[in-house]
């Protein structure tokens, strides 16, 4: 998988769970050196919008299961049974 080859955090990084109030979503980070990838898995058949509290949170989307991802500054769209991965700017 090209994504894994281009992002060492996905293959060699430490895994840290992220607490989410929505039980239909599994979220964790992979951290390695100066790279942090946030991985979000939607475990249901309904699209989920996740809001994050830090408006200055900067990231680049590296993978989305959505055909038309619509990035917004304060939220993430995770499609039904889909995955969203973002490279967090540290």
PDB file of N, CA and C in Angstrom:
ATOM      1  N   UNK A   1       0.839  -1.168   0.000  1.00  0.00           N
ATOM      2  CA  UNK A   1       0.000   0.000   0.000  1.00  0.00           C
ATOM      3  C   UNK A   1       0.889   1.238   0.000  1.00  0.00           C
ATOM      4  N   UNK A   2       0.698   2.089  -0.963  1.00  0.00           N
ATOM      5  CA  UNK A   2       1.544   3.276  -1.128  1.00  0.00           C
ATOM      6  C   UNK A   2       1.460   4.222   0.055  1.00  0.00           C
ATOM      7  N   UNK A   3       0.303   4.327   0.662  1.00  0.00           N
ATOM      8  CA  UNK A   3       0.151   5.228   1.801  1.00  0.00           C
ATOM      9  C   UNK A   3       1.099   4.818   2.919  1.00  0.00           C
ATOM     10  N   UNK A   4       1.176   3.527   3.193  1.00  0.00           N
ATOM     11  CA  UNK A   4       2.056   3.038   4.268  1.00  0.00           C
ATOM     12  C   UNK A   4       3.522   3.286   3.933  1.00  0.00           C
ATOM     13  N   UNK A   5       3.890   3.128   2.681  1.00  0.00           N
ATOM     14  CA  UNK A   5       5.285   3.351   2.286  1.00  0.00           C
ATOM     15  C   UNK A   5       5.686   4.812   2.422  1.00  0.00           C
ATOM     16  N   UNK A   6       4.747   5.718   2.186  1.00  0.00           N
ATOM     17  CA  UNK A   6       5.041   7.149   2.223  1.00  0.00           C
ATOM     18  C   UNK A   6       4.919   7.775   3.602  1.00  0.00           C
ATOM     19  N   UNK A   7       4.405   7.020   4.576  1.00  0.00           N
ATOM     20  CA  UNK A   7       4.209   7.556   5.920  1.00  0.00           C
ATOM     21  C   UNK A   7       4.710   6.535   6.945  1.00  0.00           C
ATOM     22  N   UNK A   8       5.948   6.719   7.395  1.00  0.00           N
ATOM     23  CA  UNK A   8       6.559   5.775   8.330  1.00  0.00           C
ATOM     24  C   UNK A   8       5.757   5.611   9.619  1.00  0.00           C
ATOM     25  N   UNK A   9       5.019   6.628  10.015  1.00  0.00           N
ATOM     26  CA  UNK A   9       4.230   6.523  11.243  1.00  0.00           C
ATOM     27  C   UNK A   9       3.217   5.383  11.142  1.00  0.00           C
ATOM     28  N   UNK A  10       2.759   5.064   9.939  1.00  0.00           N
ATOM     29  CA  UNK A  10       1.768   3.993   9.776  1.00  0.00           C
ATOM     30  C   UNK A  10       2.373   2.597   9.904  1.00  0.00           C
ATOM     31  N   UNK A  11       3.670   2.486   9.712  1.00  0.00           N
ATOM     32  CA  UNK A  11       4.299   1.170   9.808  1.00  0.00           C
ATOM     33  C   UNK A  11       5.181   1.015  11.047  1.00  0.00           C
ATOM     34  N   UNK A  12       5.783   2.112  11.491  1.00  0.00           N
ATOM     35  CA  UNK A  12       6.729   2.031  12.597  1.00  0.00           C
ATOM     36  C   UNK A  12       6.311   2.843  13.814  1.00  0.00           C
ATOM     37  N   UNK A  13       5.221   3.573  13.706  1.00  0.00           N
ATOM     38  CA  UNK A  13       4.829   4.472  14.776  1.00  0.00           C
ATOM     39  C   UNK A  13       4.147   3.805  15.948  1.00  0.00           C
ATOM     40  N   UNK A  14       4.212   4.466  17.088  1.00  0.00           N
ATOM     41  CA  UNK A  14       3.476   4.029  18.265  1.00  0.00           C
ATOM     42  C   UNK A  14       1.995   4.268  18.043  1.00  0.00           C
ATOM     43  N   UNK A  15       1.166   3.405  18.618  1.00  0.00           N
ATOM     44  CA  UNK A  15      -0.280   3.551  18.496  1.00  0.00           C
ATOM     45  C   UNK A  15      -0.824   4.096  19.815  1.00  0.00           C
ATOM     46  N   UNK A  16      -1.638   5.147  19.709  1.00  0.00           N
ATOM     47  CA  UNK A  16      -2.287   5.727  20.874  1.00  0.00           C
ATOM     48  C   UNK A  16      -3.770   5.879  20.588  1.00  0.00           C
ATOM     49  N   UNK A  17      -4.615   5.304  21.448  1.00  0.00           N
ATOM     50  CA  UNK A  17      -6.060   5.455  21.294  1.00  0.00           C
ATOM     51  C   UNK A  17      -6.467   6.891  21.559  1.00  0.00           C
ATOM     52  N   UNK A  18      -7.490   7.335  20.846  1.00  0.00           N
ATOM     53  CA  UNK A  18      -8.070   8.655  21.055  1.00  0.00           C
ATOM     54  C   UNK A  18      -9.487   8.440  21.561  1.00  0.00           C
ATOM     55  N   UNK A  19      -9.817   9.081  22.667  1.00  0.00           N
ATOM     56  CA  UNK A  19     -11.157   8.933  23.236  1.00  0.00           C
ATOM     57  C   UNK A  19     -12.147   9.708  22.376  1.00  0.00           C
ATOM     58  N   UNK A  20     -13.226   9.028  22.008  1.00  0.00           N
ATOM     59  CA  UNK A  20     -14.270   9.627  21.191  1.00  0.00           C
ATOM     60  C   UNK A  20     -15.617   9.366  21.862  1.00  0.00           C
ATOM     61  N   UNK A  21     -16.463  10.382  21.924  1.00  0.00           N
ATOM     62  CA  UNK A  21     -17.779  10.229  22.543  1.00  0.00           C
ATOM     63  C   UNK A  21     -18.743   9.449  21.676  1.00  0.00           C
ATOM     64  N   UNK A  22     -18.375   9.201  20.442  1.00  0.00           N
ATOM     65  CA  UNK A  22     -19.231   8.455  19.518  1.00  0.00           C
ATOM     66  C   UNK A  22     -18.733   7.013  19.438  1.00  0.00           C
ATOM     67  N   UNK A  23     -19.488   6.047  19.997  1.00  0.00           N
ATOM     68  CA  UNK A  23     -19.028   4.658  20.012  1.00  0.00           C
ATOM     69  C   UNK A  23     -19.004   3.992  18.629  1.00  0.00           C
ATOM     70  N   UNK A  24     -19.535   4.665  17.623  1.00  0.00           N
ATOM     71  CA  UNK A  24     -19.544   4.078  16.285  1.00  0.00           C
ATOM     72  C   UNK A  24     -18.242   4.341  15.531  1.00  0.00           C
ATOM     73  N   UNK A  25     -17.326   5.080  16.168  1.00  0.00           N
ATOM     74  CA  UNK A  25     -16.075   5.460  15.510  1.00  0.00           C
ATOM     75  C   UNK A  25     -14.885   5.000  16.351  1.00  0.00           C
ATOM     76  N   UNK A  26     -13.896   4.409  15.683  1.00  0.00           N
ATOM     77  CA  UNK A  26     -12.643   4.019  16.311  1.00  0.00           C
ATOM     78  C   UNK A  26     -11.580   5.004  15.841  1.00  0.00           C
ATOM     79  N   UNK A  27     -10.902   5.650  16.791  1.00  0.00           N
ATOM     80  CA  UNK A  27      -9.899   6.661  16.437  1.00  0.00           C
ATOM     81  C   UNK A  27      -8.606   6.364  17.181  1.00  0.00           C
ATOM     82  N   UNK A  28      -7.496   6.477  16.452  1.00  0.00           N
ATOM     83  CA  UNK A  28      -6.184   6.347  17.079  1.00  0.00           C
ATOM     84  C   UNK A  28      -5.175   7.163  16.297  1.00  0.00           C
ATOM     85  N   UNK A  29      -4.031   7.418  16.931  1.00  0.00           N
ATOM     86  CA  UNK A  29      -2.940   8.093  16.240  1.00  0.00           C
ATOM     87  C   UNK A  29      -1.780   7.128  16.100  1.00  0.00           C
ATOM     88  N   UNK A  30      -0.994   7.361  15.067  1.00  0.00           N
ATOM     89  CA  UNK A  30       0.279   6.666  14.885  1.00  0.00           C
ATOM     90  C   UNK A  30       1.337   7.756  14.849  1.00  0.00           C
ATOM     91  N   UNK A  31       2.313   7.678  15.759  1.00  0.00           N
ATOM     92  CA  UNK A  31       3.354   8.692  15.850  1.00  0.00           C
ATOM     93  C   UNK A  31       4.721   8.062  15.647  1.00  0.00           C
ATOM     94  N   UNK A  32       5.530   8.745  14.821  1.00  0.00           N
ATOM     95  CA  UNK A  32       6.908   8.312  14.596  1.00  0.00           C
ATOM     96  C   UNK A  32       7.733   9.545  14.254  1.00  0.00           C
ATOM     97  N   UNK A  33       8.798   9.766  15.017  1.00  0.00           N
ATOM     98  CA  UNK A  33       9.683  10.924  14.829  1.00  0.00           C
ATOM     99  C   UNK A  33       8.827  12.195  14.813  1.00  0.00           C
ATOM    100  N   UNK A  34       8.863  12.946  13.727  1.00  0.00           N
ATOM    101  CA  UNK A  34       8.108  14.198  13.633  1.00  0.00           C
ATOM    102  C   UNK A  34       6.815  14.039  12.845  1.00  0.00           C
ATOM    103  N   UNK A  35       6.310  12.833  12.767  1.00  0.00           N
ATOM    104  CA  UNK A  35       5.084  12.597  12.002  1.00  0.00           C
ATOM    105  C   UNK A  35       3.998  12.026  12.911  1.00  0.00           C
ATOM    106  N   UNK A  36       2.789  12.542  12.740  1.00  0.00           N
ATOM    107  CA  UNK A  36       1.634  12.037  13.481  1.00  0.00           C
ATOM    108  C   UNK A  36       0.473  11.874  12.512  1.00  0.00           C
ATOM    109  N   UNK A  37      -0.063  10.658  12.442  1.00  0.00           N
ATOM    110  CA  UNK A  37      -1.208  10.364  11.579  1.00  0.00           C
ATOM    111  C   UNK A  37      -2.406  10.065  12.472  1.00  0.00           C
ATOM    112  N   UNK A  38      -3.516  10.734  12.201  1.00  0.00           N
ATOM    113  CA  UNK A  38      -4.764  10.489  12.905  1.00  0.00           C
ATOM    114  C   UNK A  38      -5.621   9.600  12.013  1.00  0.00           C
ATOM    115  N   UNK A  39      -6.040   8.441  12.543  1.00  0.00           N
ATOM    116  CA  UNK A  39      -6.802   7.452  11.785  1.00  0.00           C
ATOM    117  C   UNK A  39      -8.190   7.333  12.398  1.00  0.00           C
ATOM    118  N   UNK A  40      -9.220   7.467  11.561  1.00  0.00           N
ATOM    119  CA  UNK A  40     -10.603   7.389  12.023  1.00  0.00           C
ATOM    120  C   UNK A  40     -11.343   6.333  11.207  1.00  0.00           C
ATOM    121  N   UNK A  41     -11.924   5.339  11.882  1.00  0.00           N
ATOM    122  CA  UNK A  41     -12.692   4.278  11.229  1.00  0.00           C
ATOM    123  C   UNK A  41     -14.150   4.388  11.658  1.00  0.00           C
ATOM    124  N   UNK A  42     -15.050   4.478  10.699  1.00  0.00           N
ATOM    125  CA  UNK A  42     -16.483   4.488  10.983  1.00  0.00           C
ATOM    126  C   UNK A  42     -16.955   3.039  10.924  1.00  0.00           C
ATOM    127  N   UNK A  43     -17.489   2.540  12.022  1.00  0.00           N
ATOM    128  CA  UNK A  43     -17.889   1.139  12.125  1.00  0.00           C
ATOM    129  C   UNK A  43     -19.368   0.915  11.810  1.00  0.00           C
ATOM    130  N   UNK A  44     -20.049   1.941  11.299  1.00  0.00           N
ATOM    131  CA  UNK A  44     -21.482   1.835  11.025  1.00  0.00           C
ATOM    132  C   UNK A  44     -21.798   2.104   9.558  1.00  0.00           C
ATOM    133  N   UNK A  45     -23.043   1.879   9.196  1.00  0.00           N
ATOM    134  CA  UNK A  45     -23.502   2.096   7.832  1.00  0.00           C
ATOM    135  C   UNK A  45     -24.014   3.503   7.571  1.00  0.00           C
ATOM    136  N   UNK A  46     -23.718   4.440   8.482  1.00  0.00           N
ATOM    137  CA  UNK A  46     -24.166   5.823   8.362  1.00  0.00           C
ATOM    138  C   UNK A  46     -22.956   6.746   8.415  1.00  0.00           C
ATOM    139  N   UNK A  47     -22.915   7.734   7.518  1.00  0.00           N
ATOM    140  CA  UNK A  47     -21.828   8.716   7.551  1.00  0.00           C
ATOM    141  C   UNK A  47     -21.783   9.413   8.909  1.00  0.00           C
ATOM    142  N   UNK A  48     -20.573   9.774   9.343  1.00  0.00           N
ATOM    143  CA  UNK A  48     -20.389  10.432  10.630  1.00  0.00           C
ATOM    144  C   UNK A  48     -19.608  11.726  10.414  1.00  0.00           C
ATOM    145  N   UNK A  49     -20.042  12.775  11.094  1.00  0.00           N
ATOM    146  CA  UNK A  49     -19.306  14.032  11.115  1.00  0.00           C
ATOM    147  C   UNK A  49     -18.712  14.168  12.519  1.00  0.00           C
ATOM    148  N   UNK A  50     -17.407  14.263  12.593  1.00  0.00           N
ATOM    149  CA  UNK A  50     -16.719  14.421  13.879  1.00  0.00           C
ATOM    150  C   UNK A  50     -16.198  15.846  13.980  1.00  0.00           C
ATOM    151  N   UNK A  51     -16.545  16.508  15.040  1.00  0.00           N
ATOM    152  CA  UNK A  51     -16.069  17.874  15.263  1.00  0.00           C
ATOM    153  C   UNK A  51     -14.876  17.838  16.209  1.00  0.00           C
ATOM    154  N   UNK A  52     -13.891  18.659  15.933  1.00  0.00           N
ATOM    155  CA  UNK A  52     -12.764  18.765  16.858  1.00  0.00           C
ATOM    156  C   UNK A  52     -12.743  20.164  17.444  1.00  0.00           C
ATOM    157  N   UNK A  53     -12.278  20.259  18.670  1.00  0.00           N
ATOM    158  CA  UNK A  53     -12.380  21.495  19.443  1.00  0.00           C
ATOM    159  C   UNK A  53     -11.359  22.553  19.064  1.00  0.00           C
ATOM    160  N   UNK A  54     -10.214  22.147  18.570  1.00  0.00           N
ATOM    161  CA  UNK A  54      -9.138  23.094  18.293  1.00  0.00           C
ATOM    162  C   UNK A  54      -9.243  23.609  16.864  1.00  0.00           C
ATOM    163  N   UNK A  55      -9.744  24.827  16.703  1.00  0.00           N
ATOM    164  CA  UNK A  55      -9.958  25.399  15.373  1.00  0.00           C
ATOM    165  C   UNK A  55      -8.646  25.607  14.608  1.00  0.00           C
ATOM    166  N   UNK A  56      -7.518  25.695  15.320  1.00  0.00           N
ATOM    167  CA  UNK A  56      -6.238  25.914  14.643  1.00  0.00           C
ATOM    168  C   UNK A  56      -5.547  24.592  14.283  1.00  0.00           C
ATOM    169  N   UNK A  57      -6.240  23.498  14.433  1.00  0.00           N
ATOM    170  CA  UNK A  57      -5.755  22.161  14.124  1.00  0.00           C
ATOM    171  C   UNK A  57      -5.443  22.080  12.630  1.00  0.00           C
ATOM    172  N   UNK A  58      -4.173  21.918  12.272  1.00  0.00           N
ATOM    173  CA  UNK A  58      -3.794  21.874  10.857  1.00  0.00           C
ATOM    174  C   UNK A  58      -3.458  20.448  10.448  1.00  0.00           C
ATOM    175  N   UNK A  59      -3.932  20.044   9.280  1.00  0.00           N
ATOM    176  CA  UNK A  59      -3.717  18.678   8.814  1.00  0.00           C
ATOM    177  C   UNK A  59      -3.837  18.620   7.295  1.00  0.00           C
ATOM    178  N   UNK A  60      -3.354  17.504   6.752  1.00  0.00           N
ATOM    179  CA  UNK A  60      -3.503  17.200   5.339  1.00  0.00           C
ATOM    180  C   UNK A  60      -4.137  15.824   5.234  1.00  0.00           C
ATOM    181  N   UNK A  61      -5.189  15.696   4.450  1.00  0.00           N
ATOM    182  CA  UNK A  61      -5.831  14.400   4.260  1.00  0.00           C
ATOM    183  C   UNK A  61      -4.928  13.526   3.398  1.00  0.00           C
ATOM    184  N   UNK A  62      -4.622  12.315   3.890  1.00  0.00           N
ATOM    185  CA  UNK A  62      -3.784  11.403   3.100  1.00  0.00           C
ATOM    186  C   UNK A  62      -4.592  10.220   2.567  1.00  0.00           C
ATOM    187  N   UNK A  63      -5.772   9.975   3.155  1.00  0.00           N
ATOM    188  CA  UNK A  63      -6.650   8.913   2.646  1.00  0.00           C
ATOM    189  C   UNK A  63      -8.069   9.171   3.129  1.00  0.00           C
ATOM    190  N   UNK A  64      -9.024   8.985   2.214  1.00  0.00           N
ATOM    191  CA  UNK A  64     -10.436   9.051   2.578  1.00  0.00           C
ATOM    192  C   UNK A  64     -11.190   8.027   1.754  1.00  0.00           C
ATOM    193  N   UNK A  65     -12.077   7.292   2.416  1.00  0.00           N
ATOM    194  CA  UNK A  65     -12.926   6.332   1.708  1.00  0.00           C
ATOM    195  C   UNK A  65     -14.032   7.035   0.941  1.00  0.00           C
ATOM    196  N   UNK A  66     -14.236   8.308   1.234  1.00  0.00           N
ATOM    197  CA  UNK A  66     -15.279   9.087   0.577  1.00  0.00           C
ATOM    198  C   UNK A  66     -14.836   9.452  -0.834  1.00  0.00           C
ATOM    199  N   UNK A  67     -15.777   9.373  -1.769  1.00  0.00           N
ATOM    200  CA  UNK A  67     -15.463   9.768  -3.140  1.00  0.00           C
ATOM    201  C   UNK A  67     -15.316  11.285  -3.254  1.00  0.00           C
ATOM    202  N   UNK A  68     -16.049  12.006  -2.424  1.00  0.00           N
ATOM    203  CA  UNK A  68     -16.013  13.467  -2.447  1.00  0.00           C
ATOM    204  C   UNK A  68     -15.773  14.010  -1.041  1.00  0.00           C
ATOM    205  N   UNK A  69     -14.567  13.852  -0.519  1.00  0.00           N
ATOM    206  CA  UNK A  69     -14.327  14.373   0.830  1.00  0.00           C
ATOM    207  C   UNK A  69     -14.474  15.885   0.837  1.00  0.00           C
ATOM    208  N   UNK A  70     -15.145  16.373   1.846  1.00  0.00           N
ATOM    209  CA  UNK A  70     -15.321  17.823   1.959  1.00  0.00           C
ATOM    210  C   UNK A  70     -14.679  18.294   3.258  1.00  0.00           C
ATOM    211  N   UNK A  71     -13.383  18.584   3.205  1.00  0.00           N
ATOM    212  CA  UNK A  71     -12.699  18.994   4.430  1.00  0.00           C
ATOM    213  C   UNK A  71     -13.230  20.324   4.950  1.00  0.00           C
ATOM    214  N   UNK A  72     -13.388  20.393   6.244  1.00  0.00           N
ATOM    215  CA  UNK A  72     -13.792  21.622   6.904  1.00  0.00           C
ATOM    216  C   UNK A  72     -12.823  21.864   8.040  1.00  0.00           C
ATOM    217  N   UNK A  73     -12.672  23.106   8.421  1.00  0.00           N
ATOM    218  CA  UNK A  73     -11.699  23.452   9.453  1.00  0.00           C
ATOM    219  C   UNK A  73     -12.015  22.825  10.804  1.00  0.00           C
ATOM    220  N   UNK A  74     -13.294  22.672  11.131  1.00  0.00           N
ATOM    221  CA  UNK A  74     -13.654  22.248  12.478  1.00  0.00           C
ATOM    222  C   UNK A  74     -14.266  20.848  12.555  1.00  0.00           C
ATOM    223  N   UNK A  75     -14.249  20.094  11.451  1.00  0.00           N
ATOM    224  CA  UNK A  75     -14.862  18.763  11.500  1.00  0.00           C
ATOM    225  C   UNK A  75     -14.270  17.828  10.450  1.00  0.00           C
ATOM    226  N   UNK A  76     -14.497  16.537  10.667  1.00  0.00           N
ATOM    227  CA  UNK A  76     -14.086  15.498   9.730  1.00  0.00           C
ATOM    228  C   UNK A  76     -15.313  14.721   9.285  1.00  0.00           C
ATOM    229  N   UNK A  77     -15.394  14.402   8.010  1.00  0.00           N
ATOM    230  CA  UNK A  77     -16.458  13.552   7.480  1.00  0.00           C
ATOM    231  C   UNK A  77     -15.883  12.159   7.278  1.00  0.00           C
ATOM    232  N   UNK A  78     -16.452  11.175   7.994  1.00  0.00           N
ATOM    233  CA  UNK A  78     -15.999   9.788   7.853  1.00  0.00           C
ATOM    234  C   UNK A  78     -17.175   9.009   7.268  1.00  0.00           C
ATOM    235  N   UNK A  79     -17.035   8.512   6.032  1.00  0.00           N
ATOM    236  CA  UNK A  79     -18.156   7.840   5.378  1.00  0.00           C
ATOM    237  C   UNK A  79     -18.523   6.511   6.042  1.00  0.00           C
ATOM    238  N   UNK A  80     -19.726   6.053   5.761  1.00  0.00           N
ATOM    239  CA  UNK A  80     -20.208   4.781   6.302  1.00  0.00           C
ATOM    240  C   UNK A  80     -19.214   3.668   6.006  1.00  0.00           C
ATOM    241  N   UNK A  81     -18.873   2.892   7.023  1.00  0.00           N
ATOM    242  CA  UNK A  81     -17.906   1.807   6.939  1.00  0.00           C
ATOM    243  C   UNK A  81     -16.597   2.260   6.302  1.00  0.00           C
ATOM    244  N   UNK A  82     -16.256   3.519   6.475  1.00  0.00           N
ATOM    245  CA  UNK A  82     -15.078   4.075   5.808  1.00  0.00           C
ATOM    246  C   UNK A  82     -13.989   4.495   6.771  1.00  0.00           C
ATOM    247  N   UNK A  83     -12.921   4.978   6.177  1.00  0.00           N
ATOM    248  CA  UNK A  83     -11.732   5.397   6.918  1.00  0.00           C
ATOM    249  C   UNK A  83     -11.291   6.759   6.427  1.00  0.00           C
ATOM    250  N   UNK A  84     -10.821   7.560   7.359  1.00  0.00           N
ATOM    251  CA  UNK A  84     -10.201   8.841   7.042  1.00  0.00           C
ATOM    252  C   UNK A  84      -8.877   8.892   7.777  1.00  0.00           C
ATOM    253  N   UNK A  85      -7.806   9.239   7.063  1.00  0.00           N
ATOM    254  CA  UNK A  85      -6.483   9.388   7.673  1.00  0.00           C
ATOM    255  C   UNK A  85      -5.961  10.769   7.334  1.00  0.00           C
ATOM    256  N   UNK A  86      -5.470  11.467   8.369  1.00  0.00           N
ATOM    257  CA  UNK A  86      -4.917  12.792   8.158  1.00  0.00           C
ATOM    258  C   UNK A  86      -3.535  12.889   8.785  1.00  0.00           C
ATOM    259  N   UNK A  87      -2.674  13.623   8.121  1.00  0.00           N
ATOM    260  CA  UNK A  87      -1.314  13.890   8.613  1.00  0.00           C
ATOM    261  C   UNK A  87      -1.395  15.188   9.404  1.00  0.00           C
ATOM    262  N   UNK A  88      -1.201  15.097  10.710  1.00  0.00           N
ATOM    263  CA  UNK A  88      -1.324  16.242  11.599  1.00  0.00           C
ATOM    264  C   UNK A  88      -0.031  17.046  11.551  1.00  0.00           C
ATOM    265  N   UNK A  89      -0.167  18.344  11.337  1.00  0.00           N
ATOM    266  CA  UNK A  89       1.008  19.220  11.308  1.00  0.00           C
ATOM    267  C   UNK A  89       1.471  19.476  12.728  1.00  0.00           C
ATOM    268  N   UNK A  90       2.715  19.072  13.016  1.00  0.00           N
ATOM    269  CA  UNK A  90       3.250  19.216  14.381  1.00  0.00           C
ATOM    270  C   UNK A  90       4.091  20.464  14.488  1.00  0.00           C
TER     271      UNK A  90
END
